[in-house]
Amino acid sequence: QVQFVESGGGLVQPGGTLGLSCAASGIILSINFMGWYRQAPGKQRELVARITSGGSTNYADSVKGRFTISRDNAKNTLYLRMNSLKPEDTAVYYCNTDSPNQLWWGQGTQVTVSS
C-alpha cells in the first residue's frame, strides 16, 4: 500500500523560507518520477515541481528560481525547499507521482504566506 506523509508547512512572512518533506512507503521514490503539487482555496490542484528517476528537475513558471525539489534515496523521502515565498504560494502542498494516482493523495501540509 502506497502512502505519502507530507510535513513541514506553517505560517511564514512574505520573503521567508520553508522546507517541506514527503515520507513515502510502499513505493520506491528513486525509480519513479515524482512531483510536488499544491491546491489553493477555490483553485485546482497544480504541479509545481517534478523530479525524474534520473534526478532531472522541472518547475512551474510561478516557482522557478525560488523552489527546489530534491530526494533522499536512503530515506525514501522527497523534499521541497521554498525560498522568497509570496502570498500567492499559500496552499496545501502534496506529493505524488508525476502522473498522480488518485488513491495515493495524502493529507498534505498547509503553507500560509502572510504578514
N, C-alpha and C. Protein backbone atom coordinates (compact mmCIF):
# COMPACT_ATOMS: atom_id res chain seq x y z
N GLN A 1 0.85 -1.18 0.00
CA GLN A 1 0.00 0.00 0.00
C GLN A 1 0.88 1.24 0.00
N VAL A 2 0.64 2.12 -0.96
CA VAL A 2 1.43 3.33 -1.07
C VAL A 2 0.87 4.39 -0.13
N GLN A 3 1.78 5.06 0.57
CA GLN A 3 1.37 6.15 1.45
C GLN A 3 2.40 7.27 1.39
N PHE A 4 1.91 8.50 1.27
CA PHE A 4 2.74 9.69 1.34
C PHE A 4 2.32 10.50 2.56
N VAL A 5 3.30 10.93 3.36
CA VAL A 5 3.02 11.75 4.52
C VAL A 5 3.83 13.04 4.39
N GLU A 6 3.10 14.13 4.13
CA GLU A 6 3.74 15.44 3.95
C GLU A 6 3.83 16.17 5.30
N SER A 7 4.90 16.94 5.46
CA SER A 7 5.09 17.72 6.69
C SER A 7 5.96 18.93 6.41
N GLY A 8 6.00 19.85 7.36
CA GLY A 8 6.90 20.99 7.26
C GLY A 8 6.21 22.31 6.95
N GLY A 9 4.93 22.29 6.71
CA GLY A 9 4.22 23.53 6.41
C GLY A 9 4.09 24.41 7.63
N GLY A 10 3.55 25.60 7.41
CA GLY A 10 3.35 26.53 8.52
C GLY A 10 3.04 27.91 8.01
N LEU A 11 3.10 28.86 8.94
CA LEU A 11 2.85 30.27 8.63
C LEU A 11 4.20 30.96 8.50
N VAL A 12 4.38 31.68 7.41
CA VAL A 12 5.64 32.37 7.17
C VAL A 12 5.34 33.73 6.55
N GLN A 13 6.20 34.68 6.82
CA GLN A 13 6.03 36.02 6.24
C GLN A 13 6.49 36.04 4.79
N PRO A 14 5.96 36.96 4.00
CA PRO A 14 6.45 37.10 2.62
C PRO A 14 7.96 37.28 2.61
N GLY A 15 8.61 36.59 1.67
CA GLY A 15 10.06 36.62 1.59
C GLY A 15 10.74 35.55 2.40
N GLY A 16 9.96 34.82 3.19
CA GLY A 16 10.52 33.80 4.06
C GLY A 16 10.79 32.48 3.35
N THR A 17 11.23 31.52 4.15
CA THR A 17 11.64 30.21 3.64
C THR A 17 10.98 29.09 4.43
N LEU A 18 10.61 28.03 3.72
CA LEU A 18 10.10 26.82 4.35
C LEU A 18 10.65 25.61 3.62
N GLY A 19 10.77 24.50 4.36
CA GLY A 19 11.17 23.25 3.75
C GLY A 19 10.13 22.18 4.04
N LEU A 20 9.64 21.56 2.98
CA LEU A 20 8.63 20.51 3.11
C LEU A 20 9.28 19.14 2.91
N SER A 21 8.70 18.15 3.58
CA SER A 21 9.15 16.77 3.42
C SER A 21 7.98 15.89 3.06
N CYS A 22 8.26 14.82 2.33
CA CYS A 22 7.25 13.83 1.97
C CYS A 22 7.87 12.46 2.19
N ALA A 23 7.46 11.81 3.27
CA ALA A 23 7.94 10.47 3.57
C ALA A 23 7.06 9.45 2.85
N ALA A 24 7.70 8.56 2.10
CA ALA A 24 6.95 7.61 1.29
C ALA A 24 7.13 6.19 1.80
N SER A 25 6.07 5.42 1.68
CA SER A 25 6.14 3.98 1.97
C SER A 25 5.35 3.25 0.89
N GLY A 26 5.76 2.02 0.62
CA GLY A 26 5.07 1.22 -0.40
C GLY A 26 5.46 1.56 -1.82
N ILE A 27 6.40 2.47 -1.99
CA ILE A 27 6.85 2.89 -3.32
C ILE A 27 8.30 3.35 -3.19
N ILE A 28 9.10 3.06 -4.20
CA ILE A 28 10.50 3.49 -4.19
C ILE A 28 10.61 4.78 -4.99
N LEU A 29 10.89 5.88 -4.31
CA LEU A 29 10.90 7.18 -4.98
C LEU A 29 11.95 7.27 -6.06
N SER A 30 13.09 6.63 -5.85
CA SER A 30 14.22 6.81 -6.76
C SER A 30 13.96 6.25 -8.16
N ILE A 31 12.98 5.37 -8.32
CA ILE A 31 12.71 4.80 -9.63
C ILE A 31 11.43 5.34 -10.24
N ASN A 32 10.88 6.37 -9.61
CA ASN A 32 9.65 6.98 -10.09
C ASN A 32 9.87 8.47 -10.37
N PHE A 33 9.07 8.99 -11.30
CA PHE A 33 9.01 10.44 -11.50
C PHE A 33 8.06 10.97 -10.44
N MET A 34 8.52 11.89 -9.63
CA MET A 34 7.74 12.39 -8.50
C MET A 34 7.48 13.87 -8.63
N GLY A 35 6.40 14.31 -7.99
CA GLY A 35 6.05 15.72 -8.07
C GLY A 35 5.54 16.27 -6.76
N TRP A 36 5.73 17.57 -6.59
CA TRP A 36 5.06 18.34 -5.54
C TRP A 36 3.92 19.11 -6.20
N TYR A 37 2.77 19.05 -5.58
CA TYR A 37 1.58 19.71 -6.06
C TYR A 37 1.08 20.66 -4.97
N ARG A 38 0.25 21.61 -5.39
CA ARG A 38 -0.40 22.46 -4.40
C ARG A 38 -1.81 22.79 -4.86
N GLN A 39 -2.65 23.05 -3.87
CA GLN A 39 -4.03 23.44 -4.14
C GLN A 39 -4.39 24.61 -3.25
N ALA A 40 -4.65 25.73 -3.89
CA ALA A 40 -5.08 26.92 -3.16
C ALA A 40 -6.60 26.94 -3.07
N PRO A 41 -7.16 27.65 -2.11
CA PRO A 41 -8.62 27.69 -1.96
C PRO A 41 -9.30 28.13 -3.25
N GLY A 42 -10.28 27.35 -3.68
CA GLY A 42 -11.04 27.70 -4.87
C GLY A 42 -10.35 27.44 -6.18
N LYS A 43 -9.17 26.81 -6.13
CA LYS A 43 -8.41 26.54 -7.35
C LYS A 43 -8.15 25.05 -7.51
N GLN A 44 -7.82 24.66 -8.73
CA GLN A 44 -7.47 23.27 -8.98
C GLN A 44 -6.07 22.96 -8.48
N ARG A 45 -5.84 21.71 -8.17
CA ARG A 45 -4.50 21.29 -7.76
C ARG A 45 -3.57 21.41 -8.97
N GLU A 46 -2.36 21.91 -8.71
CA GLU A 46 -1.40 22.11 -9.80
C GLU A 46 -0.05 21.52 -9.43
N LEU A 47 0.67 21.07 -10.45
CA LEU A 47 2.02 20.56 -10.26
C LEU A 47 2.99 21.74 -10.21
N VAL A 48 3.82 21.82 -9.18
CA VAL A 48 4.75 22.94 -9.08
C VAL A 48 6.20 22.52 -9.27
N ALA A 49 6.52 21.26 -9.00
CA ALA A 49 7.90 20.81 -9.16
C ALA A 49 7.90 19.31 -9.43
N ARG A 50 8.87 18.87 -10.21
CA ARG A 50 8.93 17.48 -10.65
C ARG A 50 10.38 17.03 -10.66
N ILE A 51 10.60 15.78 -10.27
CA ILE A 51 11.95 15.21 -10.35
C ILE A 51 11.85 13.84 -11.00
N THR A 52 12.72 13.58 -11.96
CA THR A 52 12.70 12.30 -12.65
C THR A 52 13.51 11.27 -11.86
N SER A 53 13.42 10.03 -12.31
CA SER A 53 14.20 8.98 -11.67
C SER A 53 15.70 9.26 -11.81
N GLY A 54 16.07 9.96 -12.86
CA GLY A 54 17.47 10.30 -13.07
C GLY A 54 17.92 11.54 -12.33
N GLY A 55 16.98 12.22 -11.70
CA GLY A 55 17.34 13.39 -10.91
C GLY A 55 17.14 14.72 -11.61
N SER A 56 16.66 14.71 -12.85
CA SER A 56 16.36 15.97 -13.53
C SER A 56 15.14 16.60 -12.92
N THR A 57 15.12 17.94 -12.90
CA THR A 57 14.03 18.65 -12.26
C THR A 57 13.36 19.63 -13.22
N ASN A 58 12.09 19.88 -12.98
CA ASN A 58 11.31 20.86 -13.73
C ASN A 58 10.42 21.60 -12.76
N TYR A 59 10.13 22.88 -13.10
CA TYR A 59 9.33 23.71 -12.20
C TYR A 59 8.29 24.48 -12.98
N ALA A 60 7.18 24.74 -12.32
CA ALA A 60 6.20 25.66 -12.89
C ALA A 60 6.83 27.05 -12.95
N ASP A 61 6.43 27.83 -13.94
CA ASP A 61 7.00 29.17 -14.10
C ASP A 61 6.82 30.02 -12.84
N SER A 62 5.73 29.79 -12.14
CA SER A 62 5.42 30.61 -10.97
C SER A 62 6.38 30.40 -9.81
N VAL A 63 7.12 29.28 -9.81
CA VAL A 63 8.01 29.00 -8.69
C VAL A 63 9.46 28.85 -9.12
N LYS A 64 9.71 28.93 -10.42
CA LYS A 64 11.06 28.72 -10.95
C LYS A 64 12.02 29.73 -10.33
N GLY A 65 13.16 29.23 -9.88
CA GLY A 65 14.16 30.10 -9.26
C GLY A 65 13.96 30.30 -7.77
N ARG A 66 12.81 29.88 -7.25
CA ARG A 66 12.53 30.04 -5.82
C ARG A 66 12.39 28.71 -5.10
N PHE A 67 11.87 27.70 -5.79
CA PHE A 67 11.64 26.38 -5.18
C PHE A 67 12.68 25.39 -5.71
N THR A 68 13.04 24.44 -4.85
CA THR A 68 13.96 23.37 -5.24
C THR A 68 13.44 22.03 -4.76
N ILE A 69 13.26 21.12 -5.69
CA ILE A 69 12.82 19.76 -5.34
C ILE A 69 14.05 18.86 -5.26
N SER A 70 14.04 17.97 -4.27
CA SER A 70 15.16 17.03 -4.12
C SER A 70 14.64 15.74 -3.50
N ARG A 71 15.54 14.78 -3.41
CA ARG A 71 15.13 13.45 -2.97
C ARG A 71 16.29 12.81 -2.19
N ASP A 72 15.97 12.14 -1.10
CA ASP A 72 16.96 11.35 -0.35
C ASP A 72 16.59 9.89 -0.56
N ASN A 73 17.37 9.20 -1.38
CA ASN A 73 17.02 7.82 -1.71
C ASN A 73 17.11 6.90 -0.50
N ALA A 74 18.08 7.15 0.36
CA ALA A 74 18.25 6.29 1.54
C ALA A 74 17.06 6.40 2.49
N LYS A 75 16.51 7.61 2.58
CA LYS A 75 15.37 7.83 3.48
C LYS A 75 14.03 7.67 2.75
N ASN A 76 14.10 7.49 1.42
CA ASN A 76 12.88 7.38 0.61
C ASN A 76 11.96 8.57 0.89
N THR A 77 12.55 9.75 0.85
CA THR A 77 11.84 10.99 1.20
C THR A 77 12.08 12.04 0.13
N LEU A 78 11.01 12.75 -0.20
CA LEU A 78 11.03 13.84 -1.18
C LEU A 78 10.99 15.16 -0.42
N TYR A 79 11.70 16.16 -0.94
CA TYR A 79 11.75 17.46 -0.27
C TYR A 79 11.38 18.59 -1.23
N LEU A 80 10.93 19.69 -0.66
CA LEU A 80 10.70 20.90 -1.43
C LEU A 80 11.19 22.07 -0.59
N ARG A 81 12.23 22.72 -1.06
CA ARG A 81 12.76 23.91 -0.42
C ARG A 81 12.13 25.12 -1.10
N MET A 82 11.51 25.98 -0.30
CA MET A 82 10.79 27.12 -0.85
C MET A 82 11.38 28.41 -0.29
N ASN A 83 11.96 29.20 -1.16
CA ASN A 83 12.55 30.48 -0.78
C ASN A 83 11.71 31.63 -1.35
N SER A 84 11.94 32.81 -0.81
CA SER A 84 11.27 34.03 -1.31
C SER A 84 9.78 33.82 -1.47
N LEU A 85 9.18 33.29 -0.44
CA LEU A 85 7.75 32.96 -0.51
C LEU A 85 6.88 34.19 -0.69
N LYS A 86 5.80 34.00 -1.44
CA LYS A 86 4.85 35.06 -1.75
C LYS A 86 3.47 34.67 -1.23
N PRO A 87 2.60 35.63 -0.99
CA PRO A 87 1.24 35.29 -0.55
C PRO A 87 0.53 34.33 -1.50
N GLU A 88 0.82 34.42 -2.79
CA GLU A 88 0.17 33.54 -3.74
C GLU A 88 0.69 32.10 -3.69
N ASP A 89 1.70 31.84 -2.87
CA ASP A 89 2.16 30.47 -2.64
C ASP A 89 1.32 29.76 -1.57
N THR A 90 0.43 30.50 -0.94
CA THR A 90 -0.44 29.92 0.08
C THR A 90 -1.30 28.82 -0.52
N ALA A 91 -1.20 27.62 0.06
CA ALA A 91 -1.92 26.45 -0.47
C ALA A 91 -1.63 25.25 0.43
N VAL A 92 -2.35 24.17 0.16
CA VAL A 92 -1.99 22.88 0.74
C VAL A 92 -1.08 22.18 -0.27
N TYR A 93 0.05 21.69 0.22
CA TYR A 93 1.05 21.07 -0.64
C TYR A 93 1.03 19.55 -0.45
N TYR A 94 1.11 18.85 -1.58
CA TYR A 94 1.05 17.39 -1.62
C TYR A 94 2.19 16.85 -2.47
N CYS A 95 2.54 15.58 -2.24
CA CYS A 95 3.44 14.89 -3.16
C CYS A 95 2.69 13.69 -3.74
N ASN A 96 3.14 13.28 -4.92
CA ASN A 96 2.55 12.14 -5.61
C ASN A 96 3.45 11.85 -6.80
N THR A 97 3.19 10.79 -7.51
CA THR A 97 3.90 10.55 -8.76
C THR A 97 3.52 11.63 -9.76
N ASP A 98 4.31 11.81 -10.82
CA ASP A 98 4.04 12.94 -11.71
C ASP A 98 2.84 12.68 -12.61
N SER A 99 2.39 11.46 -12.73
CA SER A 99 1.06 11.14 -13.25
C SER A 99 0.28 10.66 -12.04
N PRO A 100 -0.28 11.58 -11.31
CA PRO A 100 -0.73 11.27 -9.93
C PRO A 100 -1.78 10.16 -9.87
N ASN A 101 -1.56 9.24 -8.97
CA ASN A 101 -2.54 8.21 -8.67
C ASN A 101 -3.51 8.77 -7.65
N GLN A 102 -4.78 8.81 -8.01
CA GLN A 102 -5.79 9.45 -7.16
C GLN A 102 -5.93 8.77 -5.81
N LEU A 103 -5.54 7.51 -5.73
CA LEU A 103 -5.67 6.79 -4.46
C LEU A 103 -4.52 7.11 -3.51
N TRP A 104 -3.51 7.79 -4.00
CA TRP A 104 -2.30 7.98 -3.21
C TRP A 104 -2.17 9.36 -2.59
N TRP A 105 -3.15 10.25 -2.79
CA TRP A 105 -3.05 11.58 -2.19
C TRP A 105 -3.04 11.47 -0.67
N GLY A 106 -2.10 12.15 -0.03
CA GLY A 106 -2.05 12.21 1.42
C GLY A 106 -2.86 13.37 1.94
N GLN A 107 -2.62 13.72 3.21
CA GLN A 107 -3.34 14.82 3.83
C GLN A 107 -2.80 16.18 3.42
N GLY A 108 -1.57 16.18 2.93
CA GLY A 108 -0.95 17.44 2.55
C GLY A 108 -0.47 18.22 3.77
N THR A 109 0.21 19.32 3.48
CA THR A 109 0.68 20.20 4.55
C THR A 109 0.38 21.64 4.14
N GLN A 110 -0.21 22.38 5.07
CA GLN A 110 -0.66 23.74 4.78
C GLN A 110 0.51 24.72 4.84
N VAL A 111 0.63 25.52 3.80
CA VAL A 111 1.59 26.62 3.77
C VAL A 111 0.81 27.92 3.65
N THR A 112 1.04 28.81 4.58
CA THR A 112 0.38 30.10 4.58
C THR A 112 1.43 31.19 4.60
N VAL A 113 1.39 32.06 3.59
CA VAL A 113 2.35 33.16 3.49
C VAL A 113 1.58 34.46 3.73
N SER A 114 1.85 35.06 4.85
CA SER A 114 1.10 36.26 5.23
C SER A 114 1.89 37.07 6.24
N SER A 115 1.71 38.38 6.17
CA SER A 115 2.34 39.25 7.16
C SER A 115 1.39 39.52 8.32
